[in-house]
Amino acid sequence: MIEIKPDPSNPERKIVTATVTLWIETALLTSIAKELEEAIAEQAKKDLQSKAIRKEIRALATKKLVAMLEEKK
């Protein structure tokens, strides 16, 4: 699950949180670590492709670029 919410200390910033909850025995986790890592990465890629996330990322990137250009003045 990926969640975007405002930063309470700075309204100009957003907090992006990715949450994964697993209850797996250590031995099992060690044996499937690579497959698990790949599955998590694949799901994160899918989540990041959602329209809401892409829209938010574009907005944040635009704000950052504008701020960088303002600093150059």
N, C-alpha and C. Protein backbone atom coordinates (compact mmCIF):
# COMPACT_ATOMS: atom_id res chain seq x y z
N MET A 1 0.85 -1.17 0.00
CA MET A 1 0.00 0.00 0.00
C MET A 1 0.89 1.23 0.00
N ILE A 2 0.55 2.20 -0.81
CA ILE A 2 1.27 3.46 -0.85
C ILE A 2 0.30 4.56 -0.47
N GLU A 3 0.74 5.46 0.41
CA GLU A 3 -0.11 6.54 0.89
C GLU A 3 0.65 7.86 0.77
N ILE A 4 -0.04 8.89 0.34
CA ILE A 4 0.53 10.24 0.28
C ILE A 4 -0.29 11.13 1.19
N LYS A 5 0.40 11.84 2.10
CA LYS A 5 -0.31 12.76 2.99
C LYS A 5 0.56 13.99 3.22
N PRO A 6 -0.04 15.09 3.64
CA PRO A 6 0.73 16.31 3.87
C PRO A 6 1.70 16.16 5.05
N ASP A 7 2.85 16.80 4.92
CA ASP A 7 3.81 16.84 6.02
C ASP A 7 3.28 17.82 7.07
N PRO A 8 3.06 17.37 8.31
CA PRO A 8 2.49 18.27 9.32
C PRO A 8 3.38 19.46 9.66
N SER A 9 4.68 19.33 9.44
CA SER A 9 5.59 20.43 9.77
C SER A 9 5.80 21.40 8.61
N ASN A 10 5.42 20.99 7.39
CA ASN A 10 5.61 21.85 6.22
C ASN A 10 4.53 21.53 5.19
N PRO A 11 3.52 22.37 5.04
CA PRO A 11 2.42 22.08 4.12
C PRO A 11 2.84 22.04 2.65
N GLU A 12 4.02 22.52 2.33
CA GLU A 12 4.51 22.48 0.96
C GLU A 12 5.05 21.09 0.58
N ARG A 13 5.24 20.25 1.58
CA ARG A 13 5.82 18.93 1.35
C ARG A 13 4.78 17.84 1.56
N LYS A 14 5.02 16.69 0.96
CA LYS A 14 4.18 15.52 1.12
C LYS A 14 5.02 14.37 1.67
N ILE A 15 4.37 13.47 2.38
CA ILE A 15 5.01 12.26 2.88
C ILE A 15 4.46 11.09 2.09
N VAL A 16 5.34 10.32 1.46
CA VAL A 16 4.95 9.12 0.74
C VAL A 16 5.35 7.93 1.61
N THR A 17 4.37 7.10 1.95
CA THR A 17 4.59 5.95 2.82
C THR A 17 4.24 4.67 2.08
N ALA A 18 5.16 3.72 2.08
CA ALA A 18 4.90 2.40 1.52
C ALA A 18 4.88 1.41 2.68
N THR A 19 3.80 0.65 2.78
CA THR A 19 3.63 -0.26 3.92
C THR A 19 3.49 -1.70 3.45
N VAL A 20 4.27 -2.56 4.09
CA VAL A 20 4.17 -4.00 3.86
C VAL A 20 4.21 -4.65 5.22
N THR A 21 3.23 -5.49 5.53
CA THR A 21 3.20 -6.20 6.80
C THR A 21 3.28 -7.69 6.53
N LEU A 22 4.27 -8.35 7.14
CA LEU A 22 4.48 -9.78 6.92
C LEU A 22 4.73 -10.48 8.25
N TRP A 23 4.17 -11.66 8.40
CA TRP A 23 4.46 -12.51 9.55
C TRP A 23 5.02 -13.81 8.99
N ILE A 24 6.34 -13.90 8.95
CA ILE A 24 7.00 -15.06 8.36
C ILE A 24 8.13 -15.50 9.29
N GLU A 25 8.33 -16.79 9.41
CA GLU A 25 9.43 -17.31 10.21
C GLU A 25 10.75 -16.91 9.56
N THR A 26 11.76 -16.70 10.40
CA THR A 26 13.06 -16.23 9.91
C THR A 26 13.67 -17.18 8.89
N ALA A 27 13.62 -18.47 9.12
CA ALA A 27 14.19 -19.44 8.19
C ALA A 27 13.50 -19.36 6.83
N LEU A 28 12.19 -19.25 6.84
CA LEU A 28 11.44 -19.14 5.60
C LEU A 28 11.78 -17.84 4.88
N LEU A 29 11.85 -16.78 5.63
CA LEU A 29 12.17 -15.47 5.06
C LEU A 29 13.53 -15.49 4.37
N THR A 30 14.50 -16.12 5.00
CA THR A 30 15.84 -16.21 4.42
C THR A 30 15.81 -16.97 3.10
N SER A 31 15.02 -18.02 3.04
CA SER A 31 14.99 -18.84 1.83
C SER A 31 14.22 -18.20 0.68
N ILE A 32 13.32 -17.28 0.98
CA ILE A 32 12.54 -16.66 -0.09
C ILE A 32 12.82 -15.16 -0.24
N ALA A 33 13.92 -14.69 0.35
CA ALA A 33 14.22 -13.26 0.38
C ALA A 33 14.24 -12.64 -1.02
N LYS A 34 14.89 -13.28 -1.97
CA LYS A 34 15.00 -12.72 -3.32
C LYS A 34 13.64 -12.63 -3.98
N GLU A 35 12.84 -13.69 -3.90
CA GLU A 35 11.52 -13.69 -4.50
C GLU A 35 10.62 -12.65 -3.85
N LEU A 36 10.75 -12.54 -2.54
CA LEU A 36 9.95 -11.55 -1.81
C LEU A 36 10.33 -10.13 -2.21
N GLU A 37 11.62 -9.88 -2.31
CA GLU A 37 12.10 -8.56 -2.73
C GLU A 37 11.57 -8.20 -4.12
N GLU A 38 11.61 -9.17 -5.03
CA GLU A 38 11.11 -8.93 -6.39
C GLU A 38 9.61 -8.67 -6.39
N ALA A 39 8.86 -9.42 -5.59
CA ALA A 39 7.40 -9.23 -5.53
C ALA A 39 7.05 -7.86 -4.96
N ILE A 40 7.76 -7.44 -3.92
CA ILE A 40 7.50 -6.13 -3.32
C ILE A 40 7.84 -5.02 -4.32
N ALA A 41 8.96 -5.15 -5.00
CA ALA A 41 9.36 -4.14 -5.98
C ALA A 41 8.34 -4.06 -7.12
N GLU A 42 7.87 -5.21 -7.57
CA GLU A 42 6.88 -5.23 -8.66
C GLU A 42 5.58 -4.57 -8.23
N GLN A 43 5.12 -4.85 -7.01
CA GLN A 43 3.89 -4.23 -6.52
C GLN A 43 4.07 -2.73 -6.36
N ALA A 44 5.23 -2.31 -5.88
CA ALA A 44 5.50 -0.87 -5.74
C ALA A 44 5.45 -0.18 -7.10
N LYS A 45 6.01 -0.82 -8.12
CA LYS A 45 5.96 -0.25 -9.47
C LYS A 45 4.51 -0.08 -9.92
N LYS A 46 3.68 -1.11 -9.67
CA LYS A 46 2.27 -1.03 -10.05
C LYS A 46 1.56 0.09 -9.29
N ASP A 47 1.82 0.17 -7.98
CA ASP A 47 1.19 1.22 -7.17
C ASP A 47 1.59 2.61 -7.65
N LEU A 48 2.86 2.76 -8.02
CA LEU A 48 3.34 4.08 -8.47
C LEU A 48 2.75 4.48 -9.82
N GLN A 49 2.17 3.53 -10.54
CA GLN A 49 1.57 3.84 -11.83
C GLN A 49 0.13 4.32 -11.72
N SER A 50 -0.43 4.32 -10.52
CA SER A 50 -1.82 4.77 -10.38
C SER A 50 -1.91 6.25 -10.73
N LYS A 51 -3.05 6.66 -11.26
CA LYS A 51 -3.23 8.05 -11.70
C LYS A 51 -3.04 9.03 -10.55
N ALA A 52 -3.56 8.71 -9.37
CA ALA A 52 -3.46 9.63 -8.24
C ALA A 52 -2.01 9.83 -7.82
N ILE A 53 -1.25 8.76 -7.78
CA ILE A 53 0.16 8.85 -7.39
C ILE A 53 0.95 9.61 -8.44
N ARG A 54 0.74 9.29 -9.71
CA ARG A 54 1.46 10.00 -10.78
C ARG A 54 1.14 11.48 -10.77
N LYS A 55 -0.12 11.83 -10.54
CA LYS A 55 -0.52 13.24 -10.48
C LYS A 55 0.19 13.95 -9.33
N GLU A 56 0.23 13.31 -8.18
CA GLU A 56 0.88 13.90 -7.00
C GLU A 56 2.38 14.07 -7.23
N ILE A 57 3.02 13.07 -7.83
CA ILE A 57 4.45 13.14 -8.11
C ILE A 57 4.74 14.27 -9.09
N ARG A 58 3.91 14.41 -10.13
CA ARG A 58 4.10 15.51 -11.09
C ARG A 58 3.99 16.86 -10.40
N ALA A 59 2.99 17.00 -9.52
CA ALA A 59 2.80 18.27 -8.82
C ALA A 59 4.00 18.59 -7.93
N LEU A 60 4.49 17.59 -7.21
CA LEU A 60 5.64 17.79 -6.34
C LEU A 60 6.90 18.11 -7.14
N ALA A 61 7.08 17.43 -8.26
CA ALA A 61 8.25 17.69 -9.11
C ALA A 61 8.19 19.10 -9.67
N THR A 62 7.02 19.54 -10.08
CA THR A 62 6.86 20.90 -10.61
C THR A 62 7.19 21.93 -9.54
N LYS A 63 6.68 21.73 -8.33
CA LYS A 63 6.99 22.66 -7.23
C LYS A 63 8.49 22.73 -6.98
N LYS A 64 9.14 21.57 -6.98
CA LYS A 64 10.57 21.52 -6.72
C LYS A 64 11.34 22.25 -7.82
N LEU A 65 10.97 22.03 -9.06
CA LEU A 65 11.65 22.71 -10.17
C LEU A 65 11.46 24.22 -10.10
N VAL A 66 10.26 24.66 -9.79
CA VAL A 66 10.00 26.10 -9.65
C VAL A 66 10.86 26.67 -8.52
N ALA A 67 10.94 25.97 -7.41
CA ALA A 67 11.75 26.45 -6.28
C ALA A 67 13.22 26.53 -6.67
N MET A 68 13.69 25.53 -7.40
CA MET A 68 15.09 25.55 -7.84
C MET A 68 15.36 26.73 -8.78
N LEU A 69 14.43 27.00 -9.68
CA LEU A 69 14.60 28.12 -10.61
C LEU A 69 14.55 29.45 -9.87
N GLU A 70 13.70 29.53 -8.85
CA GLU A 70 13.63 30.76 -8.05
C GLU A 70 14.94 31.01 -7.31
N GLU A 71 15.58 29.96 -6.84
CA GLU A 71 16.85 30.08 -6.13
C GLU A 71 17.95 30.64 -7.04
N LYS A 72 17.88 30.35 -8.32
CA LYS A 72 18.90 30.77 -9.29
C LYS A 72 18.81 32.26 -9.60
N LYS A 73 17.69 32.90 -9.28
CA LYS A 73 17.51 34.32 -9.61
C LYS A 73 18.44 35.19 -8.83
